Amino acid sequence: MKVGKHLLIHGRVQGVYFRESMREHAEQLNVCGWVRNRLDGSVEATIYGDESAVMLLIEWARRGPPHAQVKQIDISNSDEIFTHFEKR
């Protein structure tokens, strides 16, 4: 079953290779969507794919790349459907 999720990732998540690392992990998991930095210092992403793969990517996002310090992730459902993953 395919699912979509919208993520707002808070903490030290900009300037630590978060977006590119997420894009790499998403492609490995065959998860589609996008990720971008926000002006408030958080990272925002919308992801779409097989439920198990989406959950694995969310678990990765809870840690992020080595220098990230994720404090909180706000997760909501998304109805958007994607065919690739894009770093914005």
N, C-alpha and C. Protein backbone atom coordinates (compact mmCIF):
# COMPACT_ATOMS: atom_id res chain seq x y z
N MET A 1 0.84 -1.18 0.00
CA MET A 1 0.00 0.00 0.00
C MET A 1 0.89 1.24 0.00
N LYS A 2 0.57 2.22 -0.82
CA LYS A 2 1.32 3.47 -0.92
C LYS A 2 0.70 4.51 0.00
N VAL A 3 1.58 5.28 0.64
CA VAL A 3 1.14 6.34 1.55
C VAL A 3 1.95 7.60 1.28
N GLY A 4 1.39 8.74 1.70
CA GLY A 4 2.08 10.02 1.62
C GLY A 4 2.12 10.66 2.99
N LYS A 5 3.25 11.27 3.30
CA LYS A 5 3.43 11.96 4.59
C LYS A 5 4.11 13.30 4.37
N HIS A 6 3.71 14.28 5.15
CA HIS A 6 4.33 15.60 5.16
C HIS A 6 5.10 15.71 6.48
N LEU A 7 6.37 16.13 6.39
CA LEU A 7 7.23 16.21 7.58
C LEU A 7 7.74 17.63 7.77
N LEU A 8 7.74 18.10 9.00
CA LEU A 8 8.42 19.32 9.41
C LEU A 8 9.44 18.88 10.45
N ILE A 9 10.72 19.04 10.11
CA ILE A 9 11.80 18.51 10.93
C ILE A 9 12.50 19.69 11.60
N HIS A 10 12.52 19.68 12.93
CA HIS A 10 13.04 20.79 13.72
C HIS A 10 14.34 20.38 14.43
N GLY A 11 15.18 21.35 14.67
CA GLY A 11 16.44 21.13 15.37
C GLY A 11 17.58 21.72 14.55
N ARG A 12 18.76 21.16 14.74
CA ARG A 12 19.92 21.58 13.93
C ARG A 12 19.91 20.72 12.68
N VAL A 13 19.19 21.17 11.66
CA VAL A 13 18.96 20.36 10.47
C VAL A 13 19.33 21.07 9.17
N GLN A 14 19.80 22.31 9.27
CA GLN A 14 20.29 23.00 8.07
C GLN A 14 21.80 23.15 8.19
N GLY A 15 22.49 23.05 7.06
CA GLY A 15 23.93 23.16 7.05
C GLY A 15 24.64 21.91 7.51
N VAL A 16 23.92 20.79 7.54
CA VAL A 16 24.50 19.51 8.00
C VAL A 16 24.30 18.40 6.96
N TYR A 17 24.02 18.80 5.69
CA TYR A 17 23.86 17.83 4.60
C TYR A 17 22.55 17.05 4.72
N PHE A 18 21.56 17.62 5.40
CA PHE A 18 20.30 16.90 5.65
C PHE A 18 19.53 16.63 4.36
N ARG A 19 19.34 17.65 3.54
CA ARG A 19 18.52 17.47 2.33
C ARG A 19 19.13 16.46 1.37
N GLU A 20 20.42 16.56 1.11
CA GLU A 20 21.06 15.62 0.17
C GLU A 20 21.07 14.21 0.74
N SER A 21 21.31 14.09 2.04
CA SER A 21 21.27 12.77 2.67
C SER A 21 19.88 12.16 2.59
N MET A 22 18.85 12.99 2.79
CA MET A 22 17.48 12.49 2.70
C MET A 22 17.16 12.06 1.27
N ARG A 23 17.61 12.84 0.30
CA ARG A 23 17.39 12.47 -1.10
C ARG A 23 18.06 11.13 -1.41
N GLU A 24 19.27 10.94 -0.95
CA GLU A 24 19.97 9.67 -1.18
C GLU A 24 19.23 8.49 -0.53
N HIS A 25 18.81 8.66 0.72
CA HIS A 25 18.07 7.59 1.40
C HIS A 25 16.74 7.32 0.72
N ALA A 26 16.04 8.36 0.31
CA ALA A 26 14.76 8.19 -0.37
C ALA A 26 14.94 7.38 -1.66
N GLU A 27 15.96 7.71 -2.43
CA GLU A 27 16.19 6.98 -3.68
C GLU A 27 16.53 5.52 -3.41
N GLN A 28 17.31 5.25 -2.37
CA GLN A 28 17.62 3.86 -2.02
C GLN A 28 16.37 3.08 -1.65
N LEU A 29 15.40 3.77 -1.05
CA LEU A 29 14.16 3.12 -0.60
C LEU A 29 13.04 3.18 -1.64
N ASN A 30 13.31 3.81 -2.79
CA ASN A 30 12.28 4.02 -3.82
C ASN A 30 11.12 4.87 -3.30
N VAL A 31 11.45 5.85 -2.49
CA VAL A 31 10.46 6.81 -2.00
C VAL A 31 10.58 8.07 -2.84
N CYS A 32 9.45 8.63 -3.23
CA CYS A 32 9.41 9.84 -4.06
C CYS A 32 8.96 11.02 -3.21
N GLY A 33 9.13 12.24 -3.75
CA GLY A 33 8.68 13.44 -3.06
C GLY A 33 9.67 14.56 -3.19
N TRP A 34 9.80 15.38 -2.13
CA TRP A 34 10.70 16.52 -2.15
C TRP A 34 11.12 16.88 -0.73
N VAL A 35 12.23 17.62 -0.65
CA VAL A 35 12.72 18.13 0.63
C VAL A 35 13.28 19.53 0.41
N ARG A 36 13.08 20.43 1.37
CA ARG A 36 13.61 21.80 1.25
C ARG A 36 13.85 22.40 2.63
N ASN A 37 14.73 23.40 2.65
CA ASN A 37 14.96 24.20 3.85
C ASN A 37 13.85 25.24 3.97
N ARG A 38 13.51 25.58 5.22
CA ARG A 38 12.54 26.65 5.48
C ARG A 38 13.25 27.82 6.13
N LEU A 39 12.68 28.99 6.00
CA LEU A 39 13.29 30.20 6.55
C LEU A 39 13.46 30.15 8.07
N ASP A 40 12.62 29.38 8.76
CA ASP A 40 12.69 29.30 10.22
C ASP A 40 13.78 28.35 10.71
N GLY A 41 14.56 27.76 9.80
CA GLY A 41 15.65 26.85 10.19
C GLY A 41 15.27 25.38 10.19
N SER A 42 14.01 25.09 9.95
CA SER A 42 13.56 23.70 9.88
C SER A 42 13.72 23.17 8.45
N VAL A 43 13.51 21.88 8.30
CA VAL A 43 13.48 21.24 6.99
C VAL A 43 12.08 20.67 6.79
N GLU A 44 11.55 20.84 5.59
CA GLU A 44 10.21 20.36 5.25
C GLU A 44 10.34 19.32 4.14
N ALA A 45 9.54 18.27 4.22
CA ALA A 45 9.55 17.24 3.18
C ALA A 45 8.16 16.66 3.01
N THR A 46 7.85 16.27 1.80
CA THR A 46 6.65 15.47 1.53
C THR A 46 7.15 14.22 0.82
N ILE A 47 6.77 13.06 1.34
CA ILE A 47 7.29 11.80 0.82
C ILE A 47 6.14 10.86 0.48
N TYR A 48 6.39 10.01 -0.52
CA TYR A 48 5.33 9.12 -1.03
C TYR A 48 5.97 7.82 -1.48
N GLY A 49 5.37 6.70 -1.07
CA GLY A 49 5.87 5.40 -1.51
C GLY A 49 5.21 4.28 -0.73
N ASP A 50 5.80 3.08 -0.85
CA ASP A 50 5.30 1.94 -0.09
C ASP A 50 5.37 2.28 1.40
N GLU A 51 4.34 1.90 2.12
CA GLU A 51 4.23 2.27 3.53
C GLU A 51 5.48 1.90 4.33
N SER A 52 6.01 0.72 4.13
CA SER A 52 7.18 0.29 4.90
C SER A 52 8.39 1.15 4.57
N ALA A 53 8.58 1.52 3.31
CA ALA A 53 9.71 2.36 2.91
C ALA A 53 9.55 3.78 3.46
N VAL A 54 8.35 4.31 3.42
CA VAL A 54 8.09 5.65 3.98
C VAL A 54 8.39 5.66 5.48
N MET A 55 7.98 4.61 6.19
CA MET A 55 8.25 4.54 7.63
C MET A 55 9.76 4.45 7.90
N LEU A 56 10.50 3.71 7.06
CA LEU A 56 11.95 3.64 7.21
C LEU A 56 12.60 5.00 6.99
N LEU A 57 12.11 5.77 6.02
CA LEU A 57 12.66 7.09 5.77
C LEU A 57 12.33 8.04 6.93
N ILE A 58 11.15 7.92 7.50
CA ILE A 58 10.80 8.73 8.67
C ILE A 58 11.72 8.38 9.85
N GLU A 59 11.99 7.10 10.05
CA GLU A 59 12.89 6.70 11.13
C GLU A 59 14.28 7.27 10.90
N TRP A 60 14.76 7.26 9.64
CA TRP A 60 16.06 7.87 9.34
C TRP A 60 16.01 9.37 9.67
N ALA A 61 14.92 10.05 9.30
CA ALA A 61 14.79 11.49 9.52
C ALA A 61 14.79 11.84 11.00
N ARG A 62 14.41 10.93 11.86
CA ARG A 62 14.44 11.19 13.31
C ARG A 62 15.87 11.36 13.81
N ARG A 63 16.84 10.78 13.08
CA ARG A 63 18.26 10.91 13.42
C ARG A 63 18.95 11.89 12.48
N GLY A 64 18.69 11.74 11.17
CA GLY A 64 19.33 12.57 10.16
C GLY A 64 20.78 12.16 9.95
N PRO A 65 21.52 12.97 9.19
CA PRO A 65 22.93 12.70 8.95
C PRO A 65 23.74 12.92 10.23
N PRO A 66 25.02 12.54 10.23
CA PRO A 66 25.82 12.56 11.46
C PRO A 66 25.84 13.87 12.25
N HIS A 67 25.87 15.03 11.63
CA HIS A 67 25.97 16.29 12.37
C HIS A 67 24.62 16.92 12.70
N ALA A 68 23.54 16.30 12.30
CA ALA A 68 22.21 16.84 12.61
C ALA A 68 21.85 16.56 14.07
N GLN A 69 21.00 17.41 14.61
CA GLN A 69 20.43 17.20 15.94
C GLN A 69 18.93 17.42 15.84
N VAL A 70 18.23 16.37 15.49
CA VAL A 70 16.77 16.45 15.30
C VAL A 70 16.11 16.49 16.67
N LYS A 71 15.30 17.53 16.89
CA LYS A 71 14.60 17.67 18.16
C LYS A 71 13.16 17.20 18.08
N GLN A 72 12.53 17.40 16.92
CA GLN A 72 11.11 17.08 16.78
C GLN A 72 10.77 16.94 15.31
N ILE A 73 9.84 16.03 15.01
CA ILE A 73 9.28 15.93 13.66
C ILE A 73 7.77 15.98 13.79
N ASP A 74 7.16 16.92 13.08
CA ASP A 74 5.70 16.98 12.98
C ASP A 74 5.32 16.23 11.72
N ILE A 75 4.45 15.24 11.84
CA ILE A 75 4.08 14.38 10.72
C ILE A 75 2.58 14.47 10.49
N SER A 76 2.21 14.67 9.23
CA SER A 76 0.79 14.64 8.85
C SER A 76 0.66 13.86 7.54
N ASN A 77 -0.56 13.47 7.22
CA ASN A 77 -0.82 12.74 5.98
C ASN A 77 -0.78 13.71 4.80
N SER A 78 -0.42 13.17 3.64
CA SER A 78 -0.41 13.94 2.41
C SER A 78 -1.08 13.14 1.31
N ASP A 79 -1.83 13.82 0.45
CA ASP A 79 -2.48 13.16 -0.69
C ASP A 79 -1.68 13.32 -1.98
N GLU A 80 -0.54 14.02 -1.91
CA GLU A 80 0.26 14.24 -3.11
C GLU A 80 0.93 12.94 -3.56
N ILE A 81 1.01 12.76 -4.88
CA ILE A 81 1.65 11.60 -5.49
C ILE A 81 2.81 12.10 -6.34
N PHE A 82 3.96 11.44 -6.20
CA PHE A 82 5.18 11.85 -6.91
C PHE A 82 5.77 10.69 -7.68
N THR A 83 6.61 11.00 -8.65
CA THR A 83 7.26 9.96 -9.46
C THR A 83 8.78 9.96 -9.29
N HIS A 84 9.33 10.95 -8.57
CA HIS A 84 10.76 11.00 -8.29
C HIS A 84 10.98 11.81 -7.01
N PHE A 85 12.23 11.88 -6.55
CA PHE A 85 12.53 12.66 -5.36
C PHE A 85 13.38 13.85 -5.75
N GLU A 86 13.04 15.01 -5.21
CA GLU A 86 13.68 16.27 -5.59
C GLU A 86 14.13 17.05 -4.36
N LYS A 87 15.35 17.54 -4.42
CA LYS A 87 15.87 18.44 -3.39
C LYS A 87 15.60 19.86 -3.87
N ARG A 88 14.82 20.62 -3.14
CA ARG A 88 14.46 21.98 -3.56
C ARG A 88 15.31 23.01 -2.84
